[in-house]
Amino acid sequence: MPSPDTRLSMEALFKFLEAVDEVEPASLYRVAKEAGLRYERAQRYLKFCIEMGLVVNLGRGPRRGFRLSLSEEGRRFLRLLRNLQKNA
């Protein structure tokens, strides 16, 4: 069983995806700040989201940080999470 430090929280994933959606294209620093996550934790969510095809890296921004955006799959998944939250 993964330790609490390595597990991903659905609530934090939702906040991460919402933050990407709200400020895209955005740096990981900005997404972490908007989502209320520590930068290190946001890095784990970014890795997961890229592996799952939910977030895409558009390349480096002016400060050499990532420029992140939701993929179409990420938008569909976020819409599903919002509907689940609204109907809960």
N, C-alpha and C. Protein backbone atom coordinates (compact mmCIF):
# COMPACT_ATOMS: atom_id res chain seq x y z
N MET A 1 0.85 -1.18 0.00
CA MET A 1 0.00 0.00 0.00
C MET A 1 0.89 1.24 0.00
N PRO A 2 0.60 2.23 -0.88
CA PRO A 2 1.44 3.43 -0.93
C PRO A 2 1.35 4.21 0.37
N SER A 3 2.43 4.88 0.69
CA SER A 3 2.42 5.72 1.89
C SER A 3 1.56 6.94 1.62
N PRO A 4 1.06 7.61 2.67
CA PRO A 4 0.25 8.81 2.47
C PRO A 4 0.99 9.89 1.67
N ASP A 5 2.30 9.88 1.69
CA ASP A 5 3.07 10.88 0.96
C ASP A 5 3.06 10.65 -0.54
N THR A 6 2.84 9.41 -0.98
CA THR A 6 2.91 9.11 -2.41
C THR A 6 1.54 8.93 -3.05
N ARG A 7 0.49 8.84 -2.27
CA ARG A 7 -0.85 8.70 -2.84
C ARG A 7 -1.33 10.03 -3.39
N LEU A 8 -2.13 9.97 -4.43
CA LEU A 8 -2.72 11.17 -4.99
C LEU A 8 -4.15 11.29 -4.48
N SER A 9 -4.50 12.50 -4.08
CA SER A 9 -5.84 12.78 -3.58
C SER A 9 -6.72 13.24 -4.73
N MET A 10 -7.92 12.72 -4.83
CA MET A 10 -8.84 13.13 -5.89
C MET A 10 -9.19 14.61 -5.73
N GLU A 11 -9.34 15.06 -4.50
CA GLU A 11 -9.65 16.47 -4.26
C GLU A 11 -8.51 17.38 -4.73
N ALA A 12 -7.28 16.99 -4.41
CA ALA A 12 -6.12 17.79 -4.83
C ALA A 12 -5.96 17.72 -6.36
N LEU A 13 -6.24 16.57 -6.95
CA LEU A 13 -6.18 16.44 -8.41
C LEU A 13 -7.20 17.37 -9.05
N PHE A 14 -8.39 17.43 -8.49
CA PHE A 14 -9.44 18.33 -8.98
C PHE A 14 -8.97 19.78 -8.90
N LYS A 15 -8.39 20.17 -7.77
CA LYS A 15 -7.88 21.54 -7.61
C LYS A 15 -6.76 21.83 -8.60
N PHE A 16 -5.89 20.85 -8.81
CA PHE A 16 -4.78 21.02 -9.75
C PHE A 16 -5.32 21.24 -11.16
N LEU A 17 -6.25 20.41 -11.60
CA LEU A 17 -6.80 20.54 -12.95
C LEU A 17 -7.59 21.84 -13.11
N GLU A 18 -8.33 22.22 -12.09
CA GLU A 18 -9.05 23.49 -12.14
C GLU A 18 -8.09 24.66 -12.27
N ALA A 19 -7.00 24.61 -11.54
CA ALA A 19 -6.01 25.69 -11.60
C ALA A 19 -5.39 25.77 -12.99
N VAL A 20 -5.06 24.63 -13.58
CA VAL A 20 -4.51 24.64 -14.94
C VAL A 20 -5.53 25.27 -15.88
N ASP A 21 -6.79 24.89 -15.74
CA ASP A 21 -7.85 25.39 -16.60
C ASP A 21 -8.02 26.91 -16.45
N GLU A 22 -7.94 27.40 -15.24
CA GLU A 22 -8.19 28.82 -14.97
C GLU A 22 -7.06 29.73 -15.44
N VAL A 23 -5.82 29.27 -15.38
CA VAL A 23 -4.70 30.16 -15.67
C VAL A 23 -3.87 29.74 -16.87
N GLU A 24 -4.38 28.82 -17.68
CA GLU A 24 -3.58 28.31 -18.80
C GLU A 24 -3.35 29.36 -19.88
N PRO A 25 -2.26 29.31 -20.60
CA PRO A 25 -1.10 28.47 -20.31
C PRO A 25 -0.36 29.03 -19.10
N ALA A 26 -0.04 28.18 -18.17
CA ALA A 26 0.52 28.64 -16.91
C ALA A 26 1.74 27.83 -16.51
N SER A 27 2.55 28.44 -15.67
CA SER A 27 3.71 27.73 -15.12
C SER A 27 3.25 26.81 -14.00
N LEU A 28 4.06 25.83 -13.69
CA LEU A 28 3.75 24.93 -12.59
C LEU A 28 3.68 25.71 -11.28
N TYR A 29 4.55 26.69 -11.12
CA TYR A 29 4.54 27.52 -9.90
C TYR A 29 3.17 28.19 -9.74
N ARG A 30 2.66 28.77 -10.81
CA ARG A 30 1.36 29.47 -10.74
C ARG A 30 0.23 28.48 -10.47
N VAL A 31 0.28 27.32 -11.10
CA VAL A 31 -0.75 26.30 -10.88
C VAL A 31 -0.72 25.85 -9.43
N ALA A 32 0.47 25.59 -8.89
CA ALA A 32 0.59 25.17 -7.50
C ALA A 32 0.02 26.22 -6.57
N LYS A 33 0.34 27.48 -6.83
CA LYS A 33 -0.15 28.58 -5.99
C LYS A 33 -1.68 28.68 -6.05
N GLU A 34 -2.23 28.61 -7.27
CA GLU A 34 -3.69 28.70 -7.44
C GLU A 34 -4.42 27.52 -6.79
N ALA A 35 -3.80 26.35 -6.84
CA ALA A 35 -4.43 25.14 -6.29
C ALA A 35 -4.20 24.99 -4.79
N GLY A 36 -3.31 25.81 -4.24
CA GLY A 36 -3.01 25.70 -2.81
C GLY A 36 -2.16 24.48 -2.48
N LEU A 37 -1.29 24.09 -3.43
CA LEU A 37 -0.43 22.92 -3.24
C LEU A 37 1.02 23.34 -3.09
N ARG A 38 1.79 22.60 -2.31
CA ARG A 38 3.23 22.81 -2.29
C ARG A 38 3.78 22.47 -3.67
N TYR A 39 4.83 23.14 -4.07
CA TYR A 39 5.40 22.95 -5.41
C TYR A 39 5.77 21.49 -5.65
N GLU A 40 6.37 20.85 -4.65
CA GLU A 40 6.78 19.45 -4.79
C GLU A 40 5.59 18.54 -5.04
N ARG A 41 4.48 18.82 -4.35
CA ARG A 41 3.28 18.01 -4.54
C ARG A 41 2.68 18.27 -5.92
N ALA A 42 2.71 19.53 -6.34
CA ALA A 42 2.21 19.87 -7.67
C ALA A 42 3.02 19.16 -8.75
N GLN A 43 4.31 18.97 -8.53
CA GLN A 43 5.15 18.25 -9.49
C GLN A 43 4.65 16.81 -9.66
N ARG A 44 4.26 16.18 -8.55
CA ARG A 44 3.74 14.80 -8.64
C ARG A 44 2.43 14.76 -9.44
N TYR A 45 1.55 15.74 -9.20
CA TYR A 45 0.29 15.80 -9.94
C TYR A 45 0.55 16.07 -11.41
N LEU A 46 1.52 16.93 -11.71
CA LEU A 46 1.86 17.21 -13.10
C LEU A 46 2.34 15.95 -13.80
N LYS A 47 3.23 15.22 -13.17
CA LYS A 47 3.75 13.98 -13.75
C LYS A 47 2.60 13.01 -14.04
N PHE A 48 1.72 12.82 -13.07
CA PHE A 48 0.57 11.94 -13.23
C PHE A 48 -0.33 12.40 -14.37
N CYS A 49 -0.62 13.70 -14.40
CA CYS A 49 -1.53 14.24 -15.42
C CYS A 49 -0.94 14.15 -16.82
N ILE A 50 0.35 14.35 -16.95
CA ILE A 50 0.97 14.21 -18.26
C ILE A 50 0.95 12.74 -18.69
N GLU A 51 1.27 11.83 -17.77
CA GLU A 51 1.25 10.40 -18.08
C GLU A 51 -0.15 9.92 -18.49
N MET A 52 -1.17 10.50 -17.88
CA MET A 52 -2.55 10.12 -18.17
C MET A 52 -3.13 10.88 -19.36
N GLY A 53 -2.38 11.82 -19.89
CA GLY A 53 -2.85 12.59 -21.04
C GLY A 53 -3.84 13.69 -20.70
N LEU A 54 -3.86 14.12 -19.44
CA LEU A 54 -4.80 15.17 -19.01
C LEU A 54 -4.25 16.57 -19.20
N VAL A 55 -2.93 16.70 -19.12
CA VAL A 55 -2.26 18.00 -19.22
C VAL A 55 -1.16 17.88 -20.27
N VAL A 56 -0.97 18.95 -21.03
CA VAL A 56 0.12 18.99 -22.01
C VAL A 56 1.06 20.14 -21.67
N ASN A 57 2.32 19.91 -21.97
CA ASN A 57 3.34 20.94 -21.79
C ASN A 57 3.54 21.61 -23.13
N LEU A 58 3.27 22.91 -23.19
CA LEU A 58 3.38 23.66 -24.44
C LEU A 58 4.79 24.18 -24.68
N GLY A 59 5.72 23.77 -23.86
CA GLY A 59 7.10 24.24 -24.01
C GLY A 59 7.47 25.20 -22.89
N ARG A 60 8.59 25.83 -23.05
CA ARG A 60 9.10 26.74 -22.03
C ARG A 60 8.55 28.15 -22.23
N GLY A 61 8.22 28.80 -21.10
CA GLY A 61 7.75 30.17 -21.13
C GLY A 61 8.92 31.15 -21.07
N PRO A 62 8.62 32.44 -20.92
CA PRO A 62 9.66 33.46 -20.90
C PRO A 62 10.65 33.30 -19.74
N ARG A 63 10.21 32.72 -18.66
CA ARG A 63 11.10 32.50 -17.52
C ARG A 63 11.62 31.07 -17.49
N ARG A 64 11.51 30.38 -18.61
CA ARG A 64 12.00 29.03 -18.80
C ARG A 64 11.21 27.97 -18.04
N GLY A 65 10.08 28.36 -17.47
CA GLY A 65 9.22 27.39 -16.80
C GLY A 65 8.26 26.76 -17.80
N PHE A 66 7.65 25.66 -17.41
CA PHE A 66 6.68 24.99 -18.28
C PHE A 66 5.50 25.91 -18.55
N ARG A 67 4.90 25.75 -19.72
CA ARG A 67 3.62 26.37 -20.04
C ARG A 67 2.63 25.23 -20.16
N LEU A 68 1.73 25.13 -19.19
CA LEU A 68 0.83 23.98 -19.08
C LEU A 68 -0.58 24.32 -19.56
N SER A 69 -1.22 23.34 -20.15
CA SER A 69 -2.59 23.49 -20.62
C SER A 69 -3.29 22.14 -20.50
N LEU A 70 -4.61 22.18 -20.37
CA LEU A 70 -5.38 20.93 -20.35
C LEU A 70 -5.49 20.39 -21.77
N SER A 71 -5.40 19.09 -21.90
CA SER A 71 -5.68 18.42 -23.17
C SER A 71 -7.20 18.30 -23.30
N GLU A 72 -7.67 17.88 -24.46
CA GLU A 72 -9.10 17.65 -24.61
C GLU A 72 -9.58 16.59 -23.63
N GLU A 73 -8.77 15.56 -23.43
CA GLU A 73 -9.12 14.51 -22.45
C GLU A 73 -9.19 15.12 -21.05
N GLY A 74 -8.26 16.02 -20.74
CA GLY A 74 -8.25 16.69 -19.45
C GLY A 74 -9.49 17.54 -19.24
N ARG A 75 -9.93 18.22 -20.29
CA ARG A 75 -11.15 19.04 -20.20
C ARG A 75 -12.37 18.15 -19.95
N ARG A 76 -12.43 17.02 -20.65
CA ARG A 76 -13.56 16.10 -20.43
C ARG A 76 -13.55 15.55 -19.00
N PHE A 77 -12.36 15.17 -18.53
CA PHE A 77 -12.24 14.63 -17.17
C PHE A 77 -12.61 15.69 -16.13
N LEU A 78 -12.16 16.93 -16.32
CA LEU A 78 -12.50 18.00 -15.39
C LEU A 78 -14.00 18.27 -15.39
N ARG A 79 -14.62 18.24 -16.57
CA ARG A 79 -16.08 18.42 -16.65
C ARG A 79 -16.80 17.31 -15.88
N LEU A 80 -16.31 16.07 -16.01
CA LEU A 80 -16.89 14.95 -15.28
C LEU A 80 -16.75 15.15 -13.77
N LEU A 81 -15.58 15.57 -13.32
CA LEU A 81 -15.37 15.82 -11.89
C LEU A 81 -16.28 16.93 -11.38
N ARG A 82 -16.44 17.98 -12.17
CA ARG A 82 -17.33 19.09 -11.76
C ARG A 82 -18.78 18.60 -11.65
N ASN A 83 -19.21 17.78 -12.60
CA ASN A 83 -20.58 17.24 -12.54
C ASN A 83 -20.76 16.34 -11.33
N LEU A 84 -19.76 15.52 -11.05
CA LEU A 84 -19.85 14.65 -9.87
C LEU A 84 -19.92 15.47 -8.59
N GLN A 85 -19.12 16.52 -8.53
CA GLN A 85 -19.13 17.38 -7.34
C GLN A 85 -20.47 18.11 -7.19
N LYS A 86 -20.99 18.58 -8.30
CA LYS A 86 -22.26 19.32 -8.27
C LYS A 86 -23.42 18.41 -7.84
N ASN A 87 -23.39 17.16 -8.26
CA ASN A 87 -24.47 16.22 -7.98
C ASN A 87 -24.28 15.43 -6.68
N ALA A 88 -23.19 15.68 -5.97
CA ALA A 88 -22.93 14.94 -4.74
C ALA A 88 -23.74 15.47 -3.59
